[in-house]
Amino acid sequence: MAKKGKLGRSSTFEGGFQHQDHAKMYTHILGDAMAMQRQNAQKVANRTHAKTQHEWDKLVIVAKQCPPLPKPTLVKLTSK
């Protein structure tokens, strides 16, 4: 005789241990892992974007403080 399903586990033990729905279990487990991986990737992208923006802002400040480069003078070569 099959055991009665546990309360709160309706997605994995609908009718007891003999009636486990493996497709739902795998979907639940893999869905969570994929969501966590996607969330971690988004965190890395956000941090990289913020760091890049900070470095860019520093470079703009340094570039504005530098004196302008003199224009190169054209040298005319004369042949004898």
C-alpha atoms as a PDB file:
ATOM      1  CA  MET A   1       0.000   0.000   0.000  1.00  0.00           C
ATOM      2  CA  ALA A   2       1.333   3.429  -0.945  1.00  0.00           C
ATOM      3  CA  LYS A   3       1.984   5.944   1.807  1.00  0.00           C
ATOM      4  CA  LYS A   4      -0.060   9.099   1.955  1.00  0.00           C
ATOM      5  CA  GLY A   5       1.555  12.215   0.452  1.00  0.00           C
ATOM      6  CA  LYS A   6       3.194  14.740   2.767  1.00  0.00           C
ATOM      7  CA  LEU A   7       1.532  18.079   3.269  1.00  0.00           C
ATOM      8  CA  GLY A   8       3.339  20.988   1.666  1.00  0.00           C
ATOM      9  CA  ARG A   9       4.977  18.780  -0.932  1.00  0.00           C
ATOM     10  CA  SER A  10       2.154  18.488  -3.379  1.00  0.00           C
ATOM     11  CA  SER A  11       4.392  19.131  -6.391  1.00  0.00           C
ATOM     12  CA  THR A  12       6.759  16.249  -5.610  1.00  0.00           C
ATOM     13  CA  PHE A  13       4.572  13.797  -3.691  1.00  0.00           C
ATOM     14  CA  GLU A  14       1.096  14.066  -5.172  1.00  0.00           C
ATOM     15  CA  GLY A  15       0.028  10.548  -4.370  1.00  0.00           C
ATOM     16  CA  GLY A  16       2.851   9.392  -2.152  1.00  0.00           C
ATOM     17  CA  PHE A  17       6.302   8.040  -2.819  1.00  0.00           C
ATOM     18  CA  GLN A  18       5.000   5.801  -5.571  1.00  0.00           C
ATOM     19  CA  HIS A  19       3.636   8.759  -7.533  1.00  0.00           C
ATOM     20  CA  GLN A  20       6.465  11.261  -7.641  1.00  0.00           C
ATOM     21  CA  ASP A  21       6.345  13.645 -10.568  1.00  0.00           C
ATOM     22  CA  HIS A  22       9.983  13.801 -11.643  1.00  0.00           C
ATOM     23  CA  ALA A  23       9.331  16.267 -14.442  1.00  0.00           C
ATOM     24  CA  LYS A  24       7.974  18.807 -11.948  1.00  0.00           C
ATOM     25  CA  MET A  25      10.835  18.112  -9.541  1.00  0.00           C
ATOM     26  CA  TYR A  26      13.493  18.666 -12.219  1.00  0.00           C
ATOM     27  CA  THR A  27      11.738  21.791 -13.464  1.00  0.00           C
ATOM     28  CA  HIS A  28      11.640  23.196  -9.933  1.00  0.00           C
ATOM     29  CA  ILE A  29      15.278  22.321  -9.137  1.00  0.00           C
ATOM     30  CA  LEU A  30      16.747  23.407 -12.477  1.00  0.00           C
ATOM     31  CA  GLY A  31      14.554  26.497 -12.613  1.00  0.00           C
ATOM     32  CA  ASP A  32      15.935  27.671  -9.287  1.00  0.00           C
ATOM     33  CA  ALA A  33      19.535  27.018 -10.357  1.00  0.00           C
ATOM     34  CA  MET A  34      19.058  28.842 -13.644  1.00  0.00           C
ATOM     35  CA  ALA A  35      17.409  31.777 -11.892  1.00  0.00           C
ATOM     36  CA  MET A  36      20.289  32.021  -9.407  1.00  0.00           C
ATOM     37  CA  GLN A  37      22.844  31.822 -12.218  1.00  0.00           C
ATOM     38  CA  ARG A  38      21.030  34.537 -14.162  1.00  0.00           C
ATOM     39  CA  GLN A  39      20.866  36.700 -11.027  1.00  0.00           C
ATOM     40  CA  ASN A  40      24.598  36.235 -10.362  1.00  0.00           C
ATOM     41  CA  ALA A  41      25.441  37.083 -13.968  1.00  0.00           C
ATOM     42  CA  GLN A  42      23.346  40.250 -13.699  1.00  0.00           C
ATOM     43  CA  LYS A  43      25.192  41.250 -10.509  1.00  0.00           C
ATOM     44  CA  VAL A  44      28.555  40.816 -12.264  1.00  0.00           C
ATOM     45  CA  ALA A  45      27.368  42.852 -15.246  1.00  0.00           C
ATOM     46  CA  ASN A  46      26.084  45.654 -12.992  1.00  0.00           C
ATOM     47  CA  ARG A  47      29.314  45.804 -11.000  1.00  0.00           C
ATOM     48  CA  THR A  48      31.435  45.807 -14.158  1.00  0.00           C
ATOM     49  CA  HIS A  49      29.319  48.585 -15.652  1.00  0.00           C
ATOM     50  CA  ALA A  50      29.609  50.690 -12.487  1.00  0.00           C
ATOM     51  CA  LYS A  51      33.377  50.177 -12.299  1.00  0.00           C
ATOM     52  CA  THR A  52      33.826  51.033 -15.977  1.00  0.00           C
ATOM     53  CA  GLN A  53      31.706  54.177 -15.604  1.00  0.00           C
ATOM     54  CA  HIS A  54      33.750  55.249 -12.561  1.00  0.00           C
ATOM     55  CA  GLU A  55      37.053  54.731 -14.430  1.00  0.00           C
ATOM     56  CA  TRP A  56      35.699  56.617 -17.449  1.00  0.00           C
ATOM     57  CA  ASP A  57      34.682  59.567 -15.268  1.00  0.00           C
ATOM     58  CA  LYS A  58      38.200  59.659 -13.773  1.00  0.00           C
ATOM     59  CA  LEU A  59      39.776  59.627 -17.245  1.00  0.00           C
ATOM     60  CA  VAL A  60      37.537  62.497 -18.396  1.00  0.00           C
ATOM     61  CA  ILE A  61      38.647  64.587 -15.402  1.00  0.00           C
ATOM     62  CA  VAL A  62      42.323  63.866 -16.093  1.00  0.00           C
ATOM     63  CA  ALA A  63      41.897  64.645 -19.804  1.00  0.00           C
ATOM     64  CA  LYS A  64      40.277  68.007 -19.017  1.00  0.00           C
ATOM     65  CA  GLN A  65      43.160  68.961 -16.712  1.00  0.00           C
ATOM     66  CA  CYS A  66      45.876  68.233 -19.284  1.00  0.00           C
ATOM     67  CA  PRO A  67      47.048  71.164 -21.401  1.00  0.00           C
ATOM     68  CA  PRO A  68      46.168  70.914 -25.065  1.00  0.00           C
ATOM     69  CA  LEU A  69      48.789  69.370 -27.300  1.00  0.00           C
ATOM     70  CA  PRO A  70      50.532  71.770 -29.658  1.00  0.00           C
ATOM     71  CA  LYS A  71      49.704  71.361 -33.290  1.00  0.00           C
ATOM     72  CA  PRO A  72      52.492  69.667 -35.192  1.00  0.00           C
ATOM     73  CA  THR A  73      54.422  71.949 -37.500  1.00  0.00           C
ATOM     74  CA  LEU A  74      54.681  70.895 -41.063  1.00  0.00           C
ATOM     75  CA  VAL A  75      58.201  70.523 -42.275  1.00  0.00           C
ATOM     76  CA  LYS A  76      58.743  71.050 -45.927  1.00  0.00           C
ATOM     77  CA  LEU A  77      61.488  68.863 -47.308  1.00  0.00           C
ATOM     78  CA  THR A  78      63.494  70.447 -50.036  1.00  0.00           C
ATOM     79  CA  SER A  79      65.404  68.356 -52.452  1.00  0.00           C
ATOM     80  CA  LYS A  80      68.626  69.591 -53.991  1.00  0.00           C
END
